[in-house]
Amino acid sequence: MTTTANTPPVAAIGDQSLHVNQWAKPQSWLSTTDAEGDAITNYQFWVGGTGATGSYF
């Protein structure tokens, strides 16, 4: 039985700025690739900053 390792996908995103209460769809900001050609089916975002107006994703 031959098994191969699954290479994790690579995602890249440039710096983006939004005003308070401004909405945006991040799909256009993202660039993704997968070495095996697997579809990217999930994205995970989290807040990495502190304060009401100083959040980072």
N, C-alpha and C. Protein backbone atom coordinates (compact mmCIF):
# COMPACT_ATOMS: atom_id res chain seq x y z
N MET A 1 0.84 -1.17 0.00
CA MET A 1 0.00 0.00 0.00
C MET A 1 0.89 1.24 0.00
N THR A 2 0.64 2.13 -0.92
CA THR A 2 1.42 3.37 -1.01
C THR A 2 0.59 4.52 -0.47
N THR A 3 1.20 5.30 0.39
CA THR A 3 0.51 6.49 0.88
C THR A 3 1.38 7.71 0.59
N THR A 4 0.74 8.81 0.36
CA THR A 4 1.47 10.05 0.15
C THR A 4 0.97 11.08 1.15
N ALA A 5 1.86 11.97 1.54
CA ALA A 5 1.49 13.02 2.48
C ALA A 5 0.68 14.09 1.75
N ASN A 6 -0.28 14.64 2.44
CA ASN A 6 -1.07 15.74 1.89
C ASN A 6 -0.36 17.05 2.24
N THR A 7 0.07 17.77 1.23
CA THR A 7 0.73 19.05 1.45
C THR A 7 -0.33 20.09 1.81
N PRO A 8 -0.14 20.84 2.90
CA PRO A 8 -1.13 21.86 3.26
C PRO A 8 -1.24 22.94 2.18
N PRO A 9 -2.43 23.50 2.02
CA PRO A 9 -2.60 24.58 1.06
C PRO A 9 -1.88 25.85 1.54
N VAL A 10 -1.66 26.75 0.61
CA VAL A 10 -1.02 28.02 0.93
C VAL A 10 -2.01 29.14 0.62
N ALA A 11 -2.19 30.03 1.58
CA ALA A 11 -3.07 31.18 1.38
C ALA A 11 -2.28 32.45 1.62
N ALA A 12 -2.52 33.45 0.81
CA ALA A 12 -1.85 34.74 0.97
C ALA A 12 -2.90 35.85 0.88
N ILE A 13 -2.67 36.88 1.66
CA ILE A 13 -3.57 38.03 1.64
C ILE A 13 -2.74 39.28 1.91
N GLY A 14 -3.00 40.32 1.16
CA GLY A 14 -2.31 41.58 1.36
C GLY A 14 -2.98 42.41 2.45
N ASP A 15 -2.33 43.47 2.85
CA ASP A 15 -2.91 44.38 3.85
C ASP A 15 -4.17 45.01 3.30
N GLN A 16 -5.16 45.09 4.13
CA GLN A 16 -6.43 45.70 3.76
C GLN A 16 -6.88 46.61 4.90
N SER A 17 -7.58 47.66 4.59
CA SER A 17 -8.11 48.57 5.61
C SER A 17 -9.60 48.77 5.37
N LEU A 18 -10.36 48.79 6.44
CA LEU A 18 -11.78 49.08 6.38
C LEU A 18 -12.09 50.15 7.42
N HIS A 19 -13.09 50.94 7.13
CA HIS A 19 -13.56 51.93 8.09
C HIS A 19 -14.49 51.24 9.08
N VAL A 20 -14.71 51.85 10.22
CA VAL A 20 -15.62 51.31 11.23
C VAL A 20 -16.98 51.10 10.58
N ASN A 21 -17.58 49.93 10.82
CA ASN A 21 -18.88 49.52 10.29
C ASN A 21 -18.90 49.31 8.77
N GLN A 22 -17.76 49.27 8.13
CA GLN A 22 -17.70 48.98 6.70
C GLN A 22 -17.63 47.47 6.50
N TRP A 23 -18.35 46.96 5.52
CA TRP A 23 -18.36 45.53 5.21
C TRP A 23 -17.61 45.28 3.92
N ALA A 24 -16.98 44.13 3.82
CA ALA A 24 -16.30 43.73 2.60
C ALA A 24 -16.28 42.22 2.50
N LYS A 25 -16.21 41.71 1.29
CA LYS A 25 -16.07 40.28 1.05
C LYS A 25 -14.59 39.99 0.84
N PRO A 26 -13.98 39.20 1.71
CA PRO A 26 -12.53 38.97 1.61
C PRO A 26 -12.11 38.03 0.47
N GLN A 27 -13.04 37.40 -0.24
CA GLN A 27 -12.66 36.49 -1.32
C GLN A 27 -11.74 37.15 -2.34
N SER A 28 -12.01 38.42 -2.65
CA SER A 28 -11.20 39.09 -3.67
C SER A 28 -9.80 39.44 -3.16
N TRP A 29 -9.59 39.39 -1.87
CA TRP A 29 -8.28 39.71 -1.28
C TRP A 29 -7.37 38.49 -1.24
N LEU A 30 -7.94 37.28 -1.32
CA LEU A 30 -7.20 36.04 -1.08
C LEU A 30 -6.63 35.43 -2.34
N SER A 31 -5.47 34.83 -2.18
CA SER A 31 -4.86 34.02 -3.22
C SER A 31 -4.53 32.67 -2.58
N THR A 32 -5.06 31.60 -3.15
CA THR A 32 -4.83 30.28 -2.56
C THR A 32 -4.32 29.30 -3.61
N THR A 33 -3.48 28.37 -3.16
CA THR A 33 -2.99 27.29 -4.01
C THR A 33 -2.90 26.01 -3.20
N ASP A 34 -3.00 24.89 -3.88
CA ASP A 34 -2.85 23.60 -3.24
C ASP A 34 -2.03 22.71 -4.16
N ALA A 35 -0.97 22.13 -3.63
CA ALA A 35 -0.03 21.34 -4.43
C ALA A 35 -0.70 20.15 -5.12
N GLU A 36 -1.71 19.56 -4.48
CA GLU A 36 -2.40 18.41 -5.07
C GLU A 36 -3.61 18.82 -5.88
N GLY A 37 -3.90 20.12 -5.94
CA GLY A 37 -5.07 20.59 -6.68
C GLY A 37 -6.37 20.43 -5.93
N ASP A 38 -6.31 20.15 -4.62
CA ASP A 38 -7.53 20.02 -3.83
C ASP A 38 -8.24 21.37 -3.75
N ALA A 39 -9.56 21.32 -3.68
CA ALA A 39 -10.35 22.55 -3.55
C ALA A 39 -10.18 23.12 -2.15
N ILE A 40 -10.12 24.44 -2.06
CA ILE A 40 -10.08 25.12 -0.77
C ILE A 40 -11.53 25.26 -0.33
N THR A 41 -11.91 24.58 0.74
CA THR A 41 -13.32 24.56 1.14
C THR A 41 -13.61 25.34 2.41
N ASN A 42 -12.60 25.66 3.20
CA ASN A 42 -12.81 26.39 4.44
C ASN A 42 -11.74 27.46 4.63
N TYR A 43 -12.15 28.56 5.21
CA TYR A 43 -11.22 29.62 5.60
C TYR A 43 -11.48 29.90 7.07
N GLN A 44 -10.45 30.25 7.79
CA GLN A 44 -10.60 30.59 9.19
C GLN A 44 -10.00 31.98 9.42
N PHE A 45 -10.78 32.87 10.00
CA PHE A 45 -10.32 34.21 10.34
C PHE A 45 -10.43 34.37 11.85
N TRP A 46 -9.55 35.13 12.42
CA TRP A 46 -9.65 35.42 13.84
C TRP A 46 -9.13 36.83 14.08
N VAL A 47 -9.61 37.43 15.16
CA VAL A 47 -9.19 38.78 15.51
C VAL A 47 -7.88 38.68 16.27
N GLY A 48 -6.85 39.36 15.79
CA GLY A 48 -5.55 39.28 16.42
C GLY A 48 -5.13 40.57 17.11
N GLY A 49 -5.97 41.58 17.12
CA GLY A 49 -5.62 42.85 17.75
C GLY A 49 -6.45 43.10 18.99
N THR A 50 -6.27 44.25 19.57
CA THR A 50 -7.04 44.62 20.75
C THR A 50 -7.67 45.98 20.52
N GLY A 51 -8.68 46.28 21.27
CA GLY A 51 -9.35 47.57 21.16
C GLY A 51 -10.45 47.56 20.13
N ALA A 52 -11.33 48.55 20.22
CA ALA A 52 -12.50 48.61 19.35
C ALA A 52 -12.13 48.92 17.91
N THR A 53 -11.04 49.65 17.67
CA THR A 53 -10.71 50.04 16.30
C THR A 53 -9.32 49.55 15.87
N GLY A 54 -8.74 48.65 16.63
CA GLY A 54 -7.39 48.20 16.31
C GLY A 54 -7.29 46.72 16.08
N SER A 55 -8.30 46.12 15.48
CA SER A 55 -8.31 44.68 15.26
C SER A 55 -7.54 44.31 14.01
N TYR A 56 -6.96 43.13 14.04
CA TYR A 56 -6.23 42.57 12.90
C TYR A 56 -6.74 41.18 12.65
N PHE A 57 -6.87 40.80 11.39
CA PHE A 57 -7.29 39.43 11.05
C PHE A 57 -6.10 38.69 10.53
